[in-house]
Amino acid sequence: MKKYKYGLVLSGGGTRGFAHLGAIKALEENNIKPDIISGVSAGSIVGALYADGQDAEKALKALISKNLLGFLKPMIPLNGLIKMTGFEKTLNKSLKAKTFEELKIPLIVHAVNINTNEYTPFDKGNLVQAIKASSSIPVVFPPVKIGQYQYLDGGIINNFPVETLQGKCKKIIGINVNPVGKQDNVKGLKTIAVRAFHLTMRNHADLRKDKCDIYIEPAEIENYGILDLSSAEAVFELGYKKTLEVLKSL
């Protein structure tokens, strides 16, 4: 007997993660509501907001608020190029739950322990710290210390954490917002670092999508940057439309 009816897998992808929210809106309109969520990086952020009881459009507004822009402040290079201070502030302000145990839907987020080289799932304890760790893109953001260890973005090892839900759910829905296409203008240290990071993750979803009963990937999303807050509504709409299209074809 499998414990959950629907499991939802949310990939990483920076601000392309707004497409997750559009997809969730479409799923709900079709009476599909996940009973457990497995997310990494951007997927951990969206997963936490949704598991906290926020609807997709309310979560979108929270993430594009002025407070979120604070995490895009450059810093003197030491462990990363960009501070996460405003990002943490926005999460604390937006989330009612402060721990995983307080969430309305079970959530598992993933980060990489760079001291032990382990892919680490978090489903207990401090919620915001785990999300920060899961979202900390190497070089761009500094590592996040939890306990005695330092953590970075889980997408380094697995940007599509479907294995966590296998054997637990009757149906698994996977949403990948990180297709990597051609990009003509690749300039600047930050752009190159982010591009290189996502190229290493491009095959993660491809290798795992057959483990999903429903797989959603809006191809057009590759035209949007992964740190582009100005395109949030457009990316949201791409996720929404693609999900409706996939559900209609089933």
C-alpha atoms as a PDB file:
ATOM      1  CA  MET A   1       0.000   0.000   0.000  1.00  0.00           C
ATOM      2  CA  LYS A   2       1.371   3.414  -1.003  1.00  0.00           C
ATOM      3  CA  LYS A   3       0.903   6.161   1.554  1.00  0.00           C
ATOM      4  CA  TYR A   4       0.169   9.067  -0.818  1.00  0.00           C
ATOM      5  CA  LYS A   5      -2.047   9.464  -3.869  1.00  0.00           C
ATOM      6  CA  TYR A   6      -0.097  12.234  -5.633  1.00  0.00           C
ATOM      7  CA  GLY A   7       3.554  13.094  -5.213  1.00  0.00           C
ATOM      8  CA  LEU A   8       4.997  16.243  -6.782  1.00  0.00           C
ATOM      9  CA  VAL A   9       8.630  16.671  -7.882  1.00  0.00           C
ATOM     10  CA  LEU A  10       9.852  20.244  -8.421  1.00  0.00           C
ATOM     11  CA  SER A  11      13.198  20.816 -10.124  1.00  0.00           C
ATOM     12  CA  GLY A  12      15.650  23.644  -9.659  1.00  0.00           C
ATOM     13  CA  GLY A  13      15.976  26.443 -12.183  1.00  0.00           C
ATOM     14  CA  GLY A  14      16.353  29.819 -10.484  1.00  0.00           C
ATOM     15  CA  THR A  15      13.595  32.293 -11.288  1.00  0.00           C
ATOM     16  CA  ARG A  16      12.319  29.847 -13.884  1.00  0.00           C
ATOM     17  CA  GLY A  17      10.771  28.268 -10.809  1.00  0.00           C
ATOM     18  CA  PHE A  18       7.857  30.687 -11.206  1.00  0.00           C
ATOM     19  CA  ALA A  19       6.648  28.176 -13.801  1.00  0.00           C
ATOM     20  CA  HIS A  20       6.159  25.687 -10.944  1.00  0.00           C
ATOM     21  CA  LEU A  21       3.506  27.990  -9.522  1.00  0.00           C
ATOM     22  CA  GLY A  22       1.702  28.222 -12.846  1.00  0.00           C
ATOM     23  CA  ALA A  23       1.779  24.450 -13.122  1.00  0.00           C
ATOM     24  CA  ILE A  24       0.384  24.036  -9.605  1.00  0.00           C
ATOM     25  CA  LYS A  25      -2.466  26.393 -10.454  1.00  0.00           C
ATOM     26  CA  ALA A  26      -3.336  24.272 -13.498  1.00  0.00           C
ATOM     27  CA  LEU A  27      -3.145  21.055 -11.473  1.00  0.00           C
ATOM     28  CA  GLU A  28      -5.532  22.414  -8.860  1.00  0.00           C
ATOM     29  CA  GLU A  29      -7.978  23.534 -11.537  1.00  0.00           C
ATOM     30  CA  ASN A  30      -8.045  19.896 -12.609  1.00  0.00           C
ATOM     31  CA  ASN A  31      -8.636  18.693  -9.035  1.00  0.00           C
ATOM     32  CA  ILE A  32      -5.088  17.371  -8.628  1.00  0.00           C
ATOM     33  CA  LYS A  33      -3.512  18.310  -5.321  1.00  0.00           C
ATOM     34  CA  PRO A  34      -0.193  16.806  -4.197  1.00  0.00           C
ATOM     35  CA  ASP A  35      -0.050  14.946  -0.908  1.00  0.00           C
ATOM     36  CA  ILE A  36       3.747  15.193  -0.631  1.00  0.00           C
ATOM     37  CA  ILE A  37       6.368  17.358  -2.361  1.00  0.00           C
ATOM     38  CA  SER A  38      10.026  16.736  -3.182  1.00  0.00           C
ATOM     39  CA  GLY A  39      11.910  19.823  -4.309  1.00  0.00           C
ATOM     40  CA  VAL A  40      15.369  21.192  -4.884  1.00  0.00           C
ATOM     41  CA  SER A  41      16.612  24.778  -5.219  1.00  0.00           C
ATOM     42  CA  ALA A  42      13.772  26.821  -6.795  1.00  0.00           C
ATOM     43  CA  GLY A  43      11.547  23.784  -6.308  1.00  0.00           C
ATOM     44  CA  SER A  44      12.217  23.878  -2.577  1.00  0.00           C
ATOM     45  CA  ILE A  45      11.070  27.514  -2.401  1.00  0.00           C
ATOM     46  CA  VAL A  46       7.855  26.942  -4.332  1.00  0.00           C
ATOM     47  CA  GLY A  47       7.230  23.666  -2.536  1.00  0.00           C
ATOM     48  CA  ALA A  48       7.534  25.336   0.866  1.00  0.00           C
ATOM     49  CA  LEU A  49       5.143  28.160   0.026  1.00  0.00           C
ATOM     50  CA  TYR A  50       2.570  25.747  -1.356  1.00  0.00           C
ATOM     51  CA  ALA A  51       2.974  23.275   1.506  1.00  0.00           C
ATOM     52  CA  ASP A  52       2.476  26.231   3.854  1.00  0.00           C
ATOM     53  CA  GLY A  53      -1.039  26.684   2.472  1.00  0.00           C
ATOM     54  CA  GLN A  54      -0.519  29.517  -0.028  1.00  0.00           C
ATOM     55  CA  ASP A  55      -2.212  29.362  -3.400  1.00  0.00           C
ATOM     56  CA  ALA A  56      -0.110  29.763  -6.528  1.00  0.00           C
ATOM     57  CA  GLU A  57      -0.957  33.386  -7.289  1.00  0.00           C
ATOM     58  CA  LYS A  58      -0.417  34.542  -3.707  1.00  0.00           C
ATOM     59  CA  ALA A  59       2.957  32.797  -3.658  1.00  0.00           C
ATOM     60  CA  LEU A  60       3.876  34.499  -6.952  1.00  0.00           C
ATOM     61  CA  LYS A  61       3.201  37.914  -5.435  1.00  0.00           C
ATOM     62  CA  ALA A  62       5.294  37.055  -2.382  1.00  0.00           C
ATOM     63  CA  LEU A  63       8.269  36.021  -4.492  1.00  0.00           C
ATOM     64  CA  ILE A  64       8.278  39.086  -6.729  1.00  0.00           C
ATOM     65  CA  SER A  65       7.893  41.504  -3.855  1.00  0.00           C
ATOM     66  CA  LYS A  66      10.516  44.195  -3.346  1.00  0.00           C
ATOM     67  CA  ASN A  67      11.884  42.342  -0.352  1.00  0.00           C
ATOM     68  CA  LEU A  68      13.096  39.479  -2.532  1.00  0.00           C
ATOM     69  CA  LEU A  69      15.303  41.848  -4.538  1.00  0.00           C
ATOM     70  CA  GLY A  70      17.503  42.170  -1.490  1.00  0.00           C
ATOM     71  CA  PHE A  71      19.120  38.825  -2.177  1.00  0.00           C
ATOM     72  CA  LEU A  72      20.519  40.103  -5.476  1.00  0.00           C
ATOM     73  CA  LYS A  73      23.002  42.496  -3.850  1.00  0.00           C
ATOM     74  CA  PRO A  74      26.625  41.933  -4.913  1.00  0.00           C
ATOM     75  CA  MET A  75      29.145  41.158  -2.203  1.00  0.00           C
ATOM     76  CA  ILE A  76      32.944  41.160  -2.026  1.00  0.00           C
ATOM     77  CA  PRO A  77      33.922  37.697  -3.368  1.00  0.00           C
ATOM     78  CA  LEU A  78      34.801  35.356  -0.535  1.00  0.00           C
ATOM     79  CA  ASN A  79      32.426  32.410  -0.639  1.00  0.00           C
ATOM     80  CA  GLY A  80      29.958  33.787  -3.213  1.00  0.00           C
ATOM     81  CA  LEU A  81      29.106  36.754  -5.426  1.00  0.00           C
ATOM     82  CA  ILE A  82      25.604  37.564  -4.155  1.00  0.00           C
ATOM     83  CA  LYS A  83      24.168  37.929  -0.663  1.00  0.00           C
ATOM     84  CA  MET A  84      21.064  35.975   0.397  1.00  0.00           C
ATOM     85  CA  THR A  85      20.041  38.370   3.176  1.00  0.00           C
ATOM     86  CA  GLY A  86      16.938  39.754   1.478  1.00  0.00           C
ATOM     87  CA  PHE A  87      16.002  36.302   0.268  1.00  0.00           C
ATOM     88  CA  GLU A  88      16.008  34.948   3.813  1.00  0.00           C
ATOM     89  CA  LYS A  89      14.027  37.943   5.036  1.00  0.00           C
ATOM     90  CA  THR A  90      11.365  37.387   2.380  1.00  0.00           C
ATOM     91  CA  LEU A  91      11.032  33.703   3.234  1.00  0.00           C
ATOM     92  CA  ASN A  92      10.666  34.423   6.939  1.00  0.00           C
ATOM     93  CA  LYS A  93       8.022  37.027   6.151  1.00  0.00           C
ATOM     94  CA  SER A  94       6.141  34.862   3.650  1.00  0.00           C
ATOM     95  CA  LEU A  95       6.092  31.529   5.469  1.00  0.00           C
ATOM     96  CA  LYS A  96       3.806  30.967   8.430  1.00  0.00           C
ATOM     97  CA  ALA A  97       5.556  27.683   9.191  1.00  0.00           C
ATOM     98  CA  LYS A  98       9.018  27.971  10.669  1.00  0.00           C
ATOM     99  CA  THR A  99       9.695  24.235  10.719  1.00  0.00           C
ATOM    100  CA  PHE A 100       8.903  21.344   8.379  1.00  0.00           C
ATOM    101  CA  GLU A 101       6.649  19.865  11.020  1.00  0.00           C
ATOM    102  CA  GLU A 102       4.332  22.897  10.839  1.00  0.00           C
ATOM    103  CA  LEU A 103       3.658  22.579   7.090  1.00  0.00           C
ATOM    104  CA  LYS A 104       0.235  21.440   5.874  1.00  0.00           C
ATOM    105  CA  ILE A 105       1.740  19.141   3.231  1.00  0.00           C
ATOM    106  CA  PRO A 106       4.848  16.989   3.832  1.00  0.00           C
ATOM    107  CA  LEU A 107       7.883  18.524   2.120  1.00  0.00           C
ATOM    108  CA  ILE A 108      11.360  17.183   1.414  1.00  0.00           C
ATOM    109  CA  VAL A 109      14.073  19.556   0.151  1.00  0.00           C
ATOM    110  CA  HIS A 110      17.546  18.572  -0.937  1.00  0.00           C
ATOM    111  CA  ALA A 111      21.002  20.096  -0.606  1.00  0.00           C
ATOM    112  CA  VAL A 112      24.587  18.919  -1.014  1.00  0.00           C
ATOM    113  CA  ASN A 113      26.787  18.606   2.053  1.00  0.00           C
ATOM    114  CA  ILE A 114      30.084  19.918   0.690  1.00  0.00           C
ATOM    115  CA  ASN A 115      32.013  18.591   3.682  1.00  0.00           C
ATOM    116  CA  THR A 116      30.890  14.963   3.288  1.00  0.00           C
ATOM    117  CA  ASN A 117      29.887  15.095  -0.430  1.00  0.00           C
ATOM    118  CA  GLU A 118      26.434  13.705   0.417  1.00  0.00           C
ATOM    119  CA  TYR A 119      23.095  14.510  -1.210  1.00  0.00           C
ATOM    120  CA  THR A 120      21.077  15.383   1.878  1.00  0.00           C
ATOM    121  CA  PRO A 121      17.279  15.430   2.240  1.00  0.00           C
ATOM    122  CA  PHE A 122      15.728  17.752   4.821  1.00  0.00           C
ATOM    123  CA  ASP A 123      12.225  17.111   6.154  1.00  0.00           C
ATOM    124  CA  LYS A 124      12.544  18.148   9.789  1.00  0.00           C
ATOM    125  CA  GLY A 125      13.637  21.214  11.724  1.00  0.00           C
ATOM    126  CA  ASN A 126      14.333  24.764  10.531  1.00  0.00           C
ATOM    127  CA  LEU A 127      12.573  25.320   7.217  1.00  0.00           C
ATOM    128  CA  VAL A 128      14.192  28.527   5.968  1.00  0.00           C
ATOM    129  CA  GLN A 129      17.759  27.355   6.553  1.00  0.00           C
ATOM    130  CA  ALA A 130      17.104  24.171   4.591  1.00  0.00           C
ATOM    131  CA  ILE A 131      15.582  26.143   1.708  1.00  0.00           C
ATOM    132  CA  LYS A 132      18.572  28.506   1.674  1.00  0.00           C
ATOM    133  CA  ALA A 133      20.939  25.552   1.558  1.00  0.00           C
ATOM    134  CA  SER A 134      18.982  23.902  -1.244  1.00  0.00           C
ATOM    135  CA  SER A 135      18.982  27.162  -3.257  1.00  0.00           C
ATOM    136  CA  SER A 136      22.596  28.212  -2.832  1.00  0.00           C
ATOM    137  CA  ILE A 137      24.021  28.038  -6.367  1.00  0.00           C
ATOM    138  CA  PRO A 138      27.807  27.478  -6.162  1.00  0.00           C
ATOM    139  CA  VAL A 139      29.995  30.569  -6.685  1.00  0.00           C
ATOM    140  CA  VAL A 140      26.903  32.777  -7.089  1.00  0.00           C
ATOM    141  CA  PHE A 141      25.712  32.308  -3.484  1.00  0.00           C
ATOM    142  CA  PRO A 142      27.750  31.415  -0.395  1.00  0.00           C
ATOM    143  CA  PRO A 143      27.381  27.993   1.300  1.00  0.00           C
ATOM    144  CA  VAL A 144      24.832  27.738   4.101  1.00  0.00           C
ATOM    145  CA  LYS A 145      25.969  26.326   7.422  1.00  0.00           C
ATOM    146  CA  ILE A 146      23.590  23.951   9.199  1.00  0.00           C
ATOM    147  CA  GLY A 147      24.980  22.355  12.313  1.00  0.00           C
ATOM    148  CA  GLN A 148      28.647  21.606  11.736  1.00  0.00           C
ATOM    149  CA  TYR A 149      28.377  21.260   7.951  1.00  0.00           C
ATOM    150  CA  GLN A 150      28.147  23.560   4.932  1.00  0.00           C
ATOM    151  CA  TYR A 151      25.600  23.026   2.163  1.00  0.00           C
ATOM    152  CA  LEU A 152      25.069  24.110  -1.436  1.00  0.00           C
ATOM    153  CA  ASP A 153      22.347  23.743  -4.069  1.00  0.00           C
ATOM    154  CA  GLY A 154      21.143  20.137  -4.306  1.00  0.00           C
ATOM    155  CA  GLY A 155      20.998  20.467  -8.078  1.00  0.00           C
ATOM    156  CA  ILE A 156      24.750  19.886  -8.183  1.00  0.00           C
ATOM    157  CA  ILE A 157      24.066  16.169  -7.759  1.00  0.00           C
ATOM    158  CA  ASN A 158      20.390  15.746  -8.614  1.00  0.00           C
ATOM    159  CA  ASN A 159      18.210  18.539  -9.963  1.00  0.00           C
ATOM    160  CA  PHE A 160      15.129  16.327 -10.210  1.00  0.00           C
ATOM    161  CA  PRO A 161      14.689  14.438  -6.914  1.00  0.00           C
ATOM    162  CA  VAL A 162      12.051  11.901  -7.911  1.00  0.00           C
ATOM    163  CA  GLU A 163      13.715   8.980  -6.096  1.00  0.00           C
ATOM    164  CA  THR A 164      12.601  10.383  -2.745  1.00  0.00           C
ATOM    165  CA  LEU A 165       8.969   9.733  -3.668  1.00  0.00           C
ATOM    166  CA  GLN A 166       9.312   6.360  -5.367  1.00  0.00           C
ATOM    167  CA  GLY A 167       7.373   3.643  -3.609  1.00  0.00           C
ATOM    168  CA  LYS A 168       5.432   6.192  -1.568  1.00  0.00           C
ATOM    169  CA  CYS A 169       2.954   7.544  -4.136  1.00  0.00           C
ATOM    170  CA  LYS A 170       0.331   6.044  -6.442  1.00  0.00           C
ATOM    171  CA  LYS A 171       1.166   8.695  -9.040  1.00  0.00           C
ATOM    172  CA  ILE A 172       4.178  10.978  -9.367  1.00  0.00           C
ATOM    173  CA  ILE A 173       3.971  14.320 -11.170  1.00  0.00           C
ATOM    174  CA  GLY A 174       7.295  15.829 -12.220  1.00  0.00           C
ATOM    175  CA  ILE A 175       7.856  19.435 -13.271  1.00  0.00           C
ATOM    176  CA  ASN A 176      11.198  20.389 -14.813  1.00  0.00           C
ATOM    177  CA  VAL A 177      11.835  24.102 -15.340  1.00  0.00           C
ATOM    178  CA  ASN A 178      15.451  23.815 -16.385  1.00  0.00           C
ATOM    179  CA  PRO A 179      15.671  22.965 -20.094  1.00  0.00           C
ATOM    180  CA  VAL A 180      18.981  24.296 -21.391  1.00  0.00           C
ATOM    181  CA  GLY A 181      18.985  25.629 -24.939  1.00  0.00           C
ATOM    182  CA  LYS A 182      21.207  27.798 -27.085  1.00  0.00           C
ATOM    183  CA  GLN A 183      22.372  31.133 -25.670  1.00  0.00           C
ATOM    184  CA  ASP A 184      24.307  33.484 -27.932  1.00  0.00           C
ATOM    185  CA  ASN A 185      25.334  36.120 -25.406  1.00  0.00           C
ATOM    186  CA  VAL A 186      27.285  34.528 -22.553  1.00  0.00           C
ATOM    187  CA  LYS A 187      29.323  37.288 -20.898  1.00  0.00           C
ATOM    188  CA  GLY A 188      30.306  38.194 -17.372  1.00  0.00           C
ATOM    189  CA  LEU A 189      31.511  36.060 -14.464  1.00  0.00           C
ATOM    190  CA  LYS A 190      28.074  35.572 -12.939  1.00  0.00           C
ATOM    191  CA  THR A 191      26.445  34.602 -16.246  1.00  0.00           C
ATOM    192  CA  ILE A 192      29.202  32.137 -17.094  1.00  0.00           C
ATOM    193  CA  ALA A 193      29.131  30.570 -13.621  1.00  0.00           C
ATOM    194  CA  VAL A 194      25.354  30.126 -13.676  1.00  0.00           C
ATOM    195  CA  ARG A 195      25.401  28.794 -17.243  1.00  0.00           C
ATOM    196  CA  ALA A 196      28.110  26.262 -16.437  1.00  0.00           C
ATOM    197  CA  PHE A 197      26.245  25.124 -13.352  1.00  0.00           C
ATOM    198  CA  HIS A 198      23.011  24.495 -15.235  1.00  0.00           C
ATOM    199  CA  LEU A 199      24.743  22.713 -18.084  1.00  0.00           C
ATOM    200  CA  THR A 200      25.939  20.139 -15.561  1.00  0.00           C
ATOM    201  CA  MET A 201      22.322  19.532 -14.544  1.00  0.00           C
ATOM    202  CA  ARG A 202      20.719  19.352 -17.978  1.00  0.00           C
ATOM    203  CA  ASN A 203      20.500  15.549 -18.081  1.00  0.00           C
ATOM    204  CA  HIS A 204      19.166  15.018 -14.554  1.00  0.00           C
ATOM    205  CA  ALA A 205      15.509  15.287 -15.547  1.00  0.00           C
ATOM    206  CA  ASP A 206      15.988  13.388 -18.808  1.00  0.00           C
ATOM    207  CA  LEU A 207      17.404  10.424 -16.930  1.00  0.00           C
ATOM    208  CA  ARG A 208      14.532  10.420 -14.434  1.00  0.00           C
ATOM    209  CA  LYS A 209      11.421  11.573 -16.284  1.00  0.00           C
ATOM    210  CA  ASP A 210      10.350   7.993 -17.024  1.00  0.00           C
ATOM    211  CA  LYS A 211       9.900   7.532 -13.285  1.00  0.00           C
ATOM    212  CA  CYS A 212       6.996  10.035 -13.420  1.00  0.00           C
ATOM    213  CA  ASP A 213       3.404   9.242 -14.346  1.00  0.00           C
ATOM    214  CA  ILE A 214       2.945  12.847 -15.502  1.00  0.00           C
ATOM    215  CA  TYR A 215       5.915  14.869 -16.737  1.00  0.00           C
ATOM    216  CA  ILE A 216       5.759  18.609 -17.455  1.00  0.00           C
ATOM    217  CA  GLU A 217       8.510  20.687 -19.065  1.00  0.00           C
ATOM    218  CA  PRO A 218       7.717  24.043 -20.723  1.00  0.00           C
ATOM    219  CA  ALA A 219      10.349  24.215 -23.475  1.00  0.00           C
ATOM    220  CA  GLU A 220       9.886  27.966 -24.104  1.00  0.00           C
ATOM    221  CA  ILE A 221      11.156  28.702 -20.621  1.00  0.00           C
ATOM    222  CA  GLU A 222      14.745  28.351 -21.850  1.00  0.00           C
ATOM    223  CA  ASN A 223      14.376  31.861 -23.319  1.00  0.00           C
ATOM    224  CA  TYR A 224      14.310  33.321 -19.801  1.00  0.00           C
ATOM    225  CA  GLY A 225      17.254  33.804 -17.473  1.00  0.00           C
ATOM    226  CA  ILE A 226      17.531  31.999 -14.158  1.00  0.00           C
ATOM    227  CA  LEU A 227      17.977  35.213 -12.163  1.00  0.00           C
ATOM    228  CA  ASP A 228      15.404  37.338 -13.976  1.00  0.00           C
ATOM    229  CA  LEU A 229      12.683  38.524 -11.595  1.00  0.00           C
ATOM    230  CA  SER A 230      11.165  40.841 -14.216  1.00  0.00           C
ATOM    231  CA  SER A 231       9.799  37.894 -16.235  1.00  0.00           C
ATOM    232  CA  ALA A 232       7.980  36.228 -13.339  1.00  0.00           C
ATOM    233  CA  GLU A 233       4.455  36.600 -14.744  1.00  0.00           C
ATOM    234  CA  ALA A 234       5.468  35.387 -18.214  1.00  0.00           C
ATOM    235  CA  VAL A 235       7.238  32.331 -16.787  1.00  0.00           C
ATOM    236  CA  PHE A 236       4.262  31.612 -14.515  1.00  0.00           C
ATOM    237  CA  GLU A 237       1.994  31.629 -17.565  1.00  0.00           C
ATOM    238  CA  LEU A 238       4.258  29.226 -19.476  1.00  0.00           C
ATOM    239  CA  GLY A 239       4.047  26.718 -16.633  1.00  0.00           C
ATOM    240  CA  TYR A 240       0.288  27.106 -16.443  1.00  0.00           C
ATOM    241  CA  LYS A 241      -0.322  26.632 -20.177  1.00  0.00           C
ATOM    242  CA  LYS A 242       2.071  23.694 -20.545  1.00  0.00           C
ATOM    243  CA  THR A 243       0.444  21.850 -17.642  1.00  0.00           C
ATOM    244  CA  LEU A 244      -3.030  22.310 -19.102  1.00  0.00           C
ATOM    245  CA  GLU A 245      -1.704  21.017 -22.410  1.00  0.00           C
ATOM    246  CA  VAL A 246      -0.161  17.912 -20.817  1.00  0.00           C
ATOM    247  CA  LEU A 247      -3.248  17.139 -18.744  1.00  0.00           C
ATOM    248  CA  LYS A 248      -5.486  17.508 -21.778  1.00  0.00           C
ATOM    249  CA  SER A 249      -3.381  15.010 -23.721  1.00  0.00           C
ATOM    250  CA  LEU A 250      -3.657  12.302 -21.038  1.00  0.00           C
END
